[in-house]
Amino acid sequence: MNRILSVGSTFPAFKKTAVVSLEKGKEFSDLSSEALFNNEKWTVMFW
């Protein structure tokens, strides 16, 4: 299901593997909604 969220919408819970670096051995990291909710910064997600 595709859904567009706007400011103030509740973001769905997730856990994804993301590319975070070009450094060998440190290219990937797991990102979760829990870590972003506790960050108090703007985040743009698309996948």
C-alpha atoms as a PDB file:
ATOM      1  CA  MET A   1       0.000   0.000   0.000  1.00  0.00           C
ATOM      2  CA  ASN A   2       1.449   3.379  -1.013  1.00  0.00           C
ATOM      3  CA  ARG A   3       0.573   6.296   1.185  1.00  0.00           C
ATOM      4  CA  ILE A   4       1.790   9.887   1.353  1.00  0.00           C
ATOM      5  CA  LEU A   5       2.429  11.265   4.837  1.00  0.00           C
ATOM      6  CA  SER A   6       2.518  14.927   5.745  1.00  0.00           C
ATOM      7  CA  VAL A   7       3.772  17.023   8.640  1.00  0.00           C
ATOM      8  CA  GLY A   8       2.228  15.745  11.855  1.00  0.00           C
ATOM      9  CA  SER A   9       1.384  12.289  10.451  1.00  0.00           C
ATOM     10  CA  THR A  10       2.441   9.227  12.415  1.00  0.00           C
ATOM     11  CA  PHE A  11       5.239   7.421  10.610  1.00  0.00           C
ATOM     12  CA  PRO A  12       4.878   3.626  10.429  1.00  0.00           C
ATOM     13  CA  ALA A  13       7.328   1.429  12.345  1.00  0.00           C
ATOM     14  CA  PHE A  14      10.147  -0.001  10.216  1.00  0.00           C
ATOM     15  CA  LYS A  15      13.629  -1.526  10.196  1.00  0.00           C
ATOM     16  CA  LYS A  16      15.703  -1.230   6.997  1.00  0.00           C
ATOM     17  CA  THR A  17      19.291  -1.716   5.915  1.00  0.00           C
ATOM     18  CA  ALA A  18      20.744   1.498   4.488  1.00  0.00           C
ATOM     19  CA  VAL A  19      23.893   2.498   2.630  1.00  0.00           C
ATOM     20  CA  VAL A  20      25.666   4.936   4.951  1.00  0.00           C
ATOM     21  CA  SER A  21      29.331   5.022   3.881  1.00  0.00           C
ATOM     22  CA  LEU A  22      31.793   4.382   1.072  1.00  0.00           C
ATOM     23  CA  GLU A  23      34.372   3.073   3.537  1.00  0.00           C
ATOM     24  CA  LYS A  24      35.064  -0.632   3.032  1.00  0.00           C
ATOM     25  CA  GLY A  25      33.425  -2.723   5.730  1.00  0.00           C
ATOM     26  CA  LYS A  26      31.197   0.152   6.927  1.00  0.00           C
ATOM     27  CA  GLU A  27      28.942   0.538   3.894  1.00  0.00           C
ATOM     28  CA  PHE A  28      25.686  -0.653   5.487  1.00  0.00           C
ATOM     29  CA  SER A  29      23.823   0.015   8.717  1.00  0.00           C
ATOM     30  CA  ASP A  30      20.384  -0.831  10.078  1.00  0.00           C
ATOM     31  CA  LEU A  31      17.996   2.089  10.502  1.00  0.00           C
ATOM     32  CA  SER A  32      14.824   1.818  12.537  1.00  0.00           C
ATOM     33  CA  SER A  33      11.863   4.056  13.149  1.00  0.00           C
ATOM     34  CA  GLU A  34      12.624   3.953  16.869  1.00  0.00           C
ATOM     35  CA  ALA A  35      16.048   5.572  16.363  1.00  0.00           C
ATOM     36  CA  LEU A  36      14.533   8.298  14.177  1.00  0.00           C
ATOM     37  CA  PHE A  37      11.674   9.047  16.590  1.00  0.00           C
ATOM     38  CA  ASN A  38      14.204   9.710  19.373  1.00  0.00           C
ATOM     39  CA  ASN A  39      16.372  11.932  17.143  1.00  0.00           C
ATOM     40  CA  GLU A  40      14.146  15.071  17.146  1.00  0.00           C
ATOM     41  CA  LYS A  41      15.449  16.085  13.697  1.00  0.00           C
ATOM     42  CA  TRP A  42      13.771  16.269  10.308  1.00  0.00           C
ATOM     43  CA  THR A  43      14.102  13.087   8.287  1.00  0.00           C
ATOM     44  CA  VAL A  44      13.212  12.417   4.659  1.00  0.00           C
ATOM     45  CA  MET A  45      12.550   8.783   3.773  1.00  0.00           C
ATOM     46  CA  PHE A  46      11.944   7.194   0.388  1.00  0.00           C
ATOM     47  CA  TRP A  47      12.178   3.577  -0.691  1.00  0.00           C
END
